[in-house]
Amino acid sequence: LFQKYTGAKLEEIDDPAIFERFDFKVANAPIYVDFKHWKESDSFDAEQQRNHIFKKLRECSGKCAIIINILAEDDHPCHRTDDDLTILEVPYLYNGQPLTLNTTAINQIRRCLNEFTD
């Protein structure tokens, strides 16, 4: 779905030094992607999570991490955090019944891809 709607090619991470920090790397770009399956009831410290993601980005020499929750029951906005690196948090690609594509999130992902692609 990510590749279909953004046009970006995802690569598996095979470098043992950074394996399992993120799910995929965007081809020819310092952008990493992590897919989640969080429920609305999941709770965690958002600031602590962001700091952990920034740490992983630095370890990978990345510039941007796109963290995507696949499904959501409610409508939530995307959240972008810029430090010396960037994190784009996408609350869902699809939500509701019937499933509806989050075109706003797709557009924000495309903007990040354009900004950080060589």
Foldseek 3Di string as FASTA:
>chain_A
DLCVLQVWDWDADDPPQLHPLAGTATPQWLEGEHEDADAPPDDDDPVVVVVSNVVSSVSSVGAEYEYEYAEYADDDDWDWDDDSHIYIYHDHQWYDVVTDGPVVVSVVVNVVCVVTHD
